[in-house]
Amino acid sequence: MSRSDFCQAKRVVVKIGSSLLTDGGRGLNKPAIAGWVKQMAALRQRGVDVVLVSSGSVAEGMVRLKLKARPKTLHELQAAASVGQMGLVRRFEDEFQLHELLAAQVLLTHDDLSDRQRYLNARSTLLTLLQFGVVPVINENDAVATEEIRFGDNDTLGALVANLVEADLLIILTDQTGLFDANPSLNPDAKLISDISVNASLLDEVAGGSISGLGRGGMFTKVRAARLAARSGAATVIVSGKIDNVIPEVFDGAEFGTYLIPNIAPLAARKQWLAGQLQLKGSVTLDDGAVKILKEAGKSLLAVGVKAVNGSFQRGDLVSCLDLQGNEIARGLINYGAEDAVKIAGKASSEFERLLGYADDAELIHRDNLVLV
């Protein structure tokens, strides 16, 4: 897909960062929000489905609670999010109503998307809202999320939502012009990267952390988000939200920001879900033969190819598959708990009953429940 093809998109996810929404932490930037809503309304008038992923609840809560720095403790973050969410959602609702559009608040935690049934329920709800012409406004449910279930940043949430609703385009609005080949605050010769493959190794070298300190993300999380979004075929543009009429301009192919080209084959829906899971329960280390079979033949993982087992996981948990150098090459839902996996590691499936006293699946991870990373 080239930029000129963006205008053919039927469904777009727009993610807006905390620094933009809160004017660098000085409270909700109401004129800017009005502008972005007007731009999204323009897409709706063209028949495009729009989903908004909004950061800013914690930052707005900090302003309302008169906090000068982002809270460190989880309960303070949750309190700030609870206070800030009220103002954030009310502002979006008021602005969308000016354009005769309904908005719906949807709060998600990683738990909602890691459970397959809840994932499908969330998908059904969002697709139904879009059928009604409603604009879903999605945020992480910071008020109840814990360190174990939080997404970690709303860039990742935006990508997972793009997978969830099968969006064609993910537009990440930030306070930066785009992605540079060096840190522009340290290197005056840094150049904006216009178009680049989502798999380019250069991205790993240049993506840095959050500059504003208001959000949890930075360019690293935006690159990770683009790679997640690409798994369902979605294109991603990282662009400054301060550009006039930026959302329709990007939609119409304007050369703004950085376009991360999703030049990988889209995964089937179930494997998109697997790829988007962030909470790993353990890992298995594979020999070179098993790594080759997974990468080249797309087959299931057998216990005979496992050299080591790490972590405390149960049957059905998500585990990482590592090569002998410790690099993650796949992840999947394992068919045996950690204690039993240790006993059968390196063994043929014909020995399972003797070693365990029972024999369930012949595969340690079935290929339908495994995705290469």
Protein backbone atom coordinates (compact mmCIF):
# COMPACT_ATOMS: atom_id res chain seq x y z
CA MET A 1 0.00 0.00 0.00
CA SER A 2 1.28 3.46 -0.92
CA ARG A 3 0.21 6.72 0.69
CA SER A 4 -2.03 7.42 -2.28
CA ASP A 5 -4.02 4.30 -1.37
CA PHE A 6 -4.92 5.56 2.13
CA CYS A 7 -8.02 7.31 0.76
CA GLN A 8 -9.46 3.88 -0.04
CA ALA A 9 -9.43 2.91 3.65
CA LYS A 10 -12.83 1.94 5.02
CA ARG A 11 -11.85 1.97 8.68
CA VAL A 12 -9.31 4.18 10.48
CA VAL A 13 -8.00 4.14 14.06
CA VAL A 14 -6.73 7.49 15.36
CA LYS A 15 -4.56 7.50 18.48
CA ILE A 16 -3.86 10.83 20.22
CA GLY A 17 -1.09 11.16 22.81
CA SER A 18 -1.19 12.65 26.30
CA SER A 19 1.10 15.59 25.60
CA LEU A 20 -1.08 16.73 22.71
CA LEU A 21 -4.38 16.28 24.51
CA THR A 22 -3.28 18.10 27.63
CA ASP A 23 -1.24 20.87 25.99
CA GLY A 24 2.00 19.57 27.46
CA GLY A 25 0.39 18.92 30.84
CA ARG A 26 -1.40 22.26 31.26
CA GLY A 27 -4.93 20.83 31.12
CA LEU A 28 -7.13 19.63 28.28
CA ASN A 29 -6.30 21.43 25.06
CA LYS A 30 -9.91 22.18 24.16
CA PRO A 31 -9.29 24.03 20.87
CA ALA A 32 -7.03 21.22 19.64
CA ILE A 33 -9.54 18.54 20.65
CA ALA A 34 -12.26 20.44 18.79
CA GLY A 35 -10.04 20.48 15.72
CA TRP A 36 -9.27 16.75 15.80
CA VAL A 37 -12.94 15.89 16.32
CA LYS A 38 -13.87 18.09 13.36
CA GLN A 39 -11.30 16.24 11.26
CA MET A 40 -12.61 12.82 12.33
CA ALA A 41 -16.16 14.00 11.62
CA ALA A 42 -15.02 14.87 8.09
CA LEU A 43 -13.92 11.26 7.58
CA ARG A 44 -17.25 10.02 8.92
CA GLN A 45 -19.02 12.21 6.36
CA ARG A 46 -17.03 10.41 3.68
CA GLY A 47 -18.33 7.05 4.92
CA VAL A 48 -15.17 6.04 6.79
CA ASP A 49 -15.47 4.20 10.11
CA VAL A 50 -13.42 6.01 12.79
CA VAL A 51 -12.22 4.64 16.13
CA LEU A 52 -10.45 6.99 18.54
CA VAL A 53 -7.88 5.71 21.02
CA SER A 54 -7.24 8.45 23.54
CA SER A 55 -4.49 8.92 26.06
CA GLY A 56 -4.66 11.71 28.58
CA SER A 57 -6.78 10.55 31.51
CA VAL A 58 -3.85 10.44 33.93
CA ALA A 59 -2.41 13.71 32.61
CA GLU A 60 -5.77 15.47 32.93
CA GLY A 61 -6.23 14.00 36.41
CA MET A 62 -2.83 15.40 37.39
CA VAL A 63 -4.04 18.88 36.41
CA ARG A 64 -7.31 18.53 38.29
CA LEU A 65 -5.54 17.18 41.38
CA LYS A 66 -2.82 19.86 41.09
CA LEU A 67 -0.03 17.27 40.86
CA LYS A 68 3.24 18.63 39.45
CA ALA A 69 4.73 15.27 38.44
CA ARG A 70 3.31 11.98 37.19
CA PRO A 71 2.49 9.78 40.20
CA LYS A 72 4.78 6.88 40.91
CA THR A 73 2.49 4.57 42.87
CA LEU A 74 -0.20 2.50 41.21
CA HIS A 75 -3.06 3.69 43.45
CA GLU A 76 -2.16 7.35 42.78
CA LEU A 77 -2.11 6.69 39.04
CA GLN A 78 -5.49 4.99 39.29
CA ALA A 79 -6.92 7.91 41.25
CA ALA A 80 -5.60 10.43 38.72
CA ALA A 81 -7.01 8.38 35.87
CA SER A 82 -10.43 8.21 37.51
CA VAL A 83 -10.58 11.98 37.95
CA GLY A 84 -9.15 12.76 34.52
CA GLN A 85 -11.36 10.34 32.62
CA MET A 86 -14.46 12.37 33.55
CA GLY A 87 -13.23 15.52 31.83
CA LEU A 88 -11.68 13.71 28.90
CA VAL A 89 -14.80 11.78 27.87
CA ARG A 90 -17.14 14.72 28.47
CA ARG A 91 -15.00 16.91 26.20
CA PHE A 92 -15.03 14.36 23.38
CA GLU A 93 -18.76 13.75 23.73
CA ASP A 94 -19.54 17.47 23.58
CA GLU A 95 -17.36 17.98 20.52
CA PHE A 96 -18.75 15.01 18.59
CA GLN A 97 -22.29 16.16 19.34
CA LEU A 98 -21.52 19.46 17.60
CA HIS A 99 -21.11 17.38 14.43
CA GLU A 100 -24.24 15.32 15.15
CA LEU A 101 -22.18 12.25 15.98
CA LEU A 102 -22.58 9.90 18.93
CA ALA A 103 -19.50 8.79 20.85
CA ALA A 104 -19.18 5.75 23.10
CA GLN A 105 -16.69 5.28 25.91
CA VAL A 106 -14.92 1.91 25.89
CA LEU A 107 -12.39 1.13 28.64
CA LEU A 108 -10.12 -1.88 28.15
CA THR A 109 -7.44 -3.70 30.10
CA HIS A 110 -5.01 -6.28 28.78
CA ASP A 111 -7.09 -8.88 30.61
CA ASP A 112 -10.00 -8.05 28.30
CA LEU A 113 -7.95 -8.87 25.21
CA SER A 114 -5.85 -11.75 26.55
CA ASP A 115 -8.96 -13.86 27.20
CA ARG A 116 -10.20 -15.11 23.83
CA GLN A 117 -13.91 -14.93 24.71
CA ARG A 118 -13.65 -11.40 26.10
CA TYR A 119 -11.58 -10.42 23.06
CA LEU A 120 -14.37 -11.59 20.77
CA ASN A 121 -16.96 -9.80 22.92
CA ALA A 122 -15.00 -6.55 22.69
CA ARG A 123 -14.70 -6.97 18.93
CA SER A 124 -18.44 -7.56 18.56
CA THR A 125 -19.27 -4.49 20.65
CA LEU A 126 -16.95 -2.22 18.66
CA LEU A 127 -18.16 -3.48 15.29
CA THR A 128 -21.77 -3.00 16.38
CA LEU A 129 -21.04 0.58 17.48
CA LEU A 130 -19.48 1.26 14.08
CA GLN A 131 -22.53 -0.20 12.35
CA PHE A 132 -24.64 2.32 14.26
CA GLY A 133 -22.37 5.13 13.07
CA VAL A 134 -21.00 5.72 16.57
CA VAL A 135 -17.39 6.80 17.18
CA PRO A 136 -15.88 4.55 19.91
CA VAL A 137 -13.55 6.47 22.24
CA ILE A 138 -11.20 3.90 23.73
CA ASN A 139 -8.81 4.25 26.62
CA GLU A 140 -6.96 1.87 28.86
CA ASN A 141 -8.90 1.29 32.05
CA ASP A 142 -6.19 2.81 34.25
CA ALA A 143 -8.56 3.09 37.20
CA VAL A 144 -8.57 -0.69 37.71
CA ALA A 145 -5.54 -1.89 35.74
CA THR A 146 -2.61 -3.34 37.67
CA GLU A 147 1.01 -3.64 36.62
CA GLU A 148 0.26 -7.19 35.45
CA ILE A 149 -2.63 -6.32 33.13
CA ARG A 150 -1.93 -2.81 31.85
CA PHE A 151 -0.98 -2.43 28.20
CA GLY A 152 1.91 -0.17 29.15
CA ASP A 153 1.09 2.51 26.62
CA ASN A 154 -1.82 3.55 24.45
CA ASP A 155 0.22 3.16 21.25
CA THR A 156 0.07 -0.59 21.83
CA LEU A 157 -3.61 -0.30 22.68
CA GLY A 158 -4.18 1.55 19.39
CA ALA A 159 -2.48 -1.26 17.45
CA LEU A 160 -4.46 -3.97 19.21
CA VAL A 161 -7.67 -2.08 18.48
CA ALA A 162 -6.62 -1.81 14.82
CA ASN A 163 -6.26 -5.62 14.82
CA LEU A 164 -9.53 -6.01 16.69
CA VAL A 165 -11.66 -4.02 14.22
CA GLU A 166 -9.57 -4.90 11.14
CA ALA A 167 -8.70 -1.27 10.42
CA ASP A 168 -6.94 -0.32 7.21
CA LEU A 169 -5.01 2.60 8.69
CA LEU A 170 -3.63 3.56 12.12
CA ILE A 171 -2.80 7.25 12.53
CA ILE A 172 -0.71 7.98 15.65
CA LEU A 173 -0.80 11.68 16.49
CA THR A 174 2.16 12.81 18.57
CA ASP A 175 3.94 16.00 19.59
CA GLN A 176 6.85 15.09 17.31
CA THR A 177 7.05 15.61 13.55
CA GLY A 178 7.57 11.91 13.00
CA LEU A 179 10.39 9.40 13.33
CA PHE A 180 13.95 10.66 12.72
CA ASP A 181 17.13 8.78 11.83
CA ALA A 182 18.72 10.27 14.99
CA ASN A 183 17.51 12.10 18.08
CA PRO A 184 16.62 15.60 16.76
CA SER A 185 17.01 17.15 20.21
CA LEU A 186 20.65 16.00 20.29
CA ASN A 187 21.56 15.97 16.60
CA PRO A 188 20.62 19.03 14.50
CA ASP A 189 21.38 17.03 11.34
CA ALA A 190 18.75 14.40 12.12
CA LYS A 191 16.48 13.73 9.14
CA LEU A 192 12.82 12.79 9.15
CA ILE A 193 12.15 9.26 7.91
CA SER A 194 9.32 9.50 5.40
CA ASP A 195 8.52 5.92 4.33
CA ILE A 196 10.12 2.81 5.80
CA SER A 197 9.35 -0.89 6.09
CA VAL A 198 7.86 -1.82 9.43
CA ASN A 199 10.53 -4.54 9.66
CA ALA A 200 13.53 -2.30 8.95
CA SER A 201 16.34 -2.79 11.49
CA LEU A 202 16.96 0.97 11.47
CA LEU A 203 13.75 1.41 13.47
CA ASP A 204 15.22 -0.49 16.40
CA GLU A 205 18.25 1.80 16.40
CA VAL A 206 16.46 5.15 16.29
CA ALA A 207 13.28 4.63 18.36
CA GLY A 208 13.70 6.29 21.76
CA GLY A 209 11.65 6.85 24.91
CA SER A 210 9.10 9.47 25.90
CA ILE A 211 10.35 13.06 25.72
CA SER A 212 7.44 14.82 27.41
CA GLY A 213 7.32 12.50 30.44
CA LEU A 214 3.52 12.64 30.46
CA GLY A 215 2.86 9.34 28.72
CA ARG A 216 4.40 5.92 29.10
CA GLY A 217 5.29 5.67 25.43
CA GLY A 218 7.90 7.03 23.08
CA MET A 219 8.94 6.27 19.54
CA PHE A 220 9.85 2.74 20.65
CA THR A 221 6.24 2.00 21.58
CA LYS A 222 5.03 3.57 18.34
CA VAL A 223 7.30 1.33 16.28
CA ARG A 224 6.11 -1.70 18.26
CA ALA A 225 2.53 -0.58 17.67
CA ALA A 226 3.11 -0.30 13.92
CA ARG A 227 4.49 -3.82 13.85
CA LEU A 228 1.50 -5.15 15.76
CA ALA A 229 -0.91 -3.28 13.49
CA ALA A 230 0.84 -4.69 10.42
CA ARG A 231 -0.08 -8.21 11.52
CA SER A 232 -3.65 -7.49 10.39
CA GLY A 233 -2.49 -5.56 7.33
CA ALA A 234 -2.98 -2.06 8.80
CA ALA A 235 -0.71 0.74 7.63
CA THR A 236 0.64 3.12 10.31
CA VAL A 237 1.52 6.81 10.09
CA ILE A 238 3.30 8.59 12.97
CA VAL A 239 2.68 12.29 12.54
CA SER A 240 2.44 15.58 14.41
CA GLY A 241 -1.04 16.34 15.68
CA LYS A 242 -0.26 20.05 15.41
CA ILE A 243 -0.43 20.11 11.61
CA ASP A 244 -3.57 21.82 10.32
CA ASN A 245 -6.23 19.33 9.19
CA VAL A 246 -3.70 16.54 9.70
CA ILE A 247 -6.09 13.56 9.82
CA PRO A 248 -7.83 14.19 6.46
CA GLU A 249 -4.53 15.27 4.93
CA VAL A 250 -2.85 11.97 5.90
CA PHE A 251 -5.94 10.08 4.73
CA ASP A 252 -5.62 11.75 1.33
CA GLY A 253 -1.95 10.78 1.02
CA ALA A 254 -0.10 13.92 2.14
CA GLU A 255 3.62 13.37 2.74
CA PHE A 256 3.46 14.15 6.45
CA GLY A 257 5.18 12.23 9.23
CA THR A 258 6.56 8.71 8.96
CA TYR A 259 4.73 5.96 7.11
CA LEU A 260 5.60 2.48 8.39
CA ILE A 261 4.85 0.16 5.51
CA PRO A 262 3.13 -3.11 6.53
CA ASN A 263 4.95 -5.23 3.96
CA ILE A 264 4.34 -8.51 5.76
CA ALA A 265 1.61 -11.04 5.09
CA PRO A 266 -1.37 -10.41 7.39
CA LEU A 267 -1.97 -13.12 9.98
CA ALA A 268 -5.21 -15.00 10.43
CA ALA A 269 -7.45 -13.47 13.09
CA ARG A 270 -6.56 -15.96 15.81
CA LYS A 271 -2.84 -15.49 15.25
CA GLN A 272 -3.26 -11.70 15.33
CA TRP A 273 -4.73 -12.20 18.78
CA LEU A 274 -1.81 -14.37 19.83
CA ALA A 275 0.74 -11.90 18.46
CA GLY A 276 -0.85 -9.07 20.42
CA GLN A 277 -0.59 -10.75 23.81
CA LEU A 278 2.04 -9.12 26.01
CA GLN A 279 1.80 -11.17 29.20
CA LEU A 280 4.15 -14.15 28.89
CA LYS A 281 4.08 -16.79 31.61
CA GLY A 282 7.36 -18.49 30.78
CA SER A 283 9.63 -19.70 28.01
CA VAL A 284 11.03 -22.79 26.34
CA THR A 285 14.48 -22.86 24.74
CA LEU A 286 14.69 -24.79 21.46
CA ASP A 287 17.50 -26.53 19.66
CA ASP A 288 18.53 -25.39 16.18
CA GLY A 289 16.49 -28.10 14.48
CA ALA A 290 13.26 -27.05 16.19
CA VAL A 291 13.93 -23.40 15.37
CA LYS A 292 14.40 -24.26 11.69
CA ILE A 293 11.19 -26.32 11.59
CA LEU A 294 9.15 -23.51 13.15
CA LYS A 295 10.60 -20.83 10.89
CA GLU A 296 10.69 -22.68 7.59
CA ALA A 297 8.06 -25.42 7.77
CA GLY A 298 5.39 -23.76 9.92
CA LYS A 299 4.89 -26.93 11.94
CA SER A 300 3.92 -27.50 15.56
CA LEU A 301 6.48 -27.45 18.36
CA LEU A 302 7.32 -30.92 19.64
CA ALA A 303 8.85 -31.58 23.04
CA VAL A 304 11.80 -33.39 21.48
CA GLY A 305 13.17 -30.05 20.25
CA VAL A 306 13.10 -28.39 23.68
CA LYS A 307 16.38 -27.90 25.56
CA ALA A 308 15.16 -25.97 28.63
CA VAL A 309 11.96 -24.81 30.34
CA ASN A 310 11.66 -21.60 32.38
CA GLY A 311 8.82 -20.06 34.36
CA SER A 312 5.77 -21.24 36.26
CA PHE A 313 2.98 -21.72 33.75
CA GLN A 314 -0.13 -23.82 33.38
CA ARG A 315 -1.66 -25.63 30.43
CA GLY A 316 -3.04 -23.04 28.01
CA ASP A 317 -0.75 -20.20 29.14
CA LEU A 318 1.20 -18.07 26.67
CA VAL A 319 4.92 -18.88 26.56
CA SER A 320 7.84 -17.62 24.51
CA CYS A 321 9.94 -19.87 22.28
CA LEU A 322 13.63 -18.91 22.34
CA ASP A 323 16.60 -20.01 20.27
CA LEU A 324 19.86 -21.04 21.91
CA GLN A 325 21.05 -17.42 21.90
CA GLY A 326 17.98 -16.29 23.85
CA ASN A 327 16.21 -14.59 20.92
CA GLU A 328 12.42 -14.93 20.81
CA ILE A 329 11.38 -16.61 17.58
CA ALA A 330 7.77 -17.54 18.38
CA ARG A 331 5.14 -17.59 21.08
CA GLY A 332 2.12 -19.77 21.67
CA LEU A 333 -0.34 -21.46 24.00
CA ILE A 334 1.35 -24.44 25.61
CA ASN A 335 -0.39 -27.80 26.07
CA TYR A 336 1.43 -28.83 29.27
CA GLY A 337 2.15 -27.10 32.56
CA ALA A 338 5.72 -26.19 33.52
CA GLU A 339 6.34 -29.22 35.77
CA ASP A 340 5.26 -31.65 33.10
CA ALA A 341 7.04 -29.71 30.35
CA VAL A 342 10.32 -30.13 32.25
CA LYS A 343 9.78 -33.91 32.38
CA ILE A 344 9.08 -34.29 28.66
CA ALA A 345 11.59 -31.75 27.33
CA GLY A 346 13.81 -33.43 24.75
CA LYS A 347 11.61 -36.53 24.65
CA ALA A 348 9.47 -38.06 21.91
CA SER A 349 5.68 -37.97 22.35
CA SER A 350 5.66 -41.77 22.54
CA GLU A 351 7.35 -41.45 25.97
CA PHE A 352 4.81 -39.03 27.49
CA GLU A 353 2.62 -41.68 29.13
CA ARG A 354 5.60 -43.37 30.76
CA LEU A 355 7.05 -40.08 32.02
CA LEU A 356 3.81 -38.37 33.08
CA GLY A 357 1.39 -41.20 33.73
CA TYR A 358 -0.86 -39.83 30.99
CA ALA A 359 -0.61 -38.55 27.43
CA ASP A 360 -2.66 -35.66 26.09
CA ASP A 361 -1.50 -33.71 23.05
CA ALA A 362 1.41 -34.99 21.01
CA GLU A 363 2.53 -31.38 20.42
CA LEU A 364 3.92 -29.11 23.09
CA ILE A 365 2.43 -26.15 21.16
CA HIS A 366 0.12 -26.80 18.21
CA ARG A 367 0.82 -24.74 15.10
CA ASP A 368 -2.72 -23.27 15.24
CA ASN A 369 -1.82 -21.79 18.63
CA LEU A 370 1.66 -20.57 17.67
CA VAL A 371 2.82 -17.42 15.91
CA LEU A 372 6.28 -16.43 14.72
CA VAL A 373 7.59 -13.10 16.03
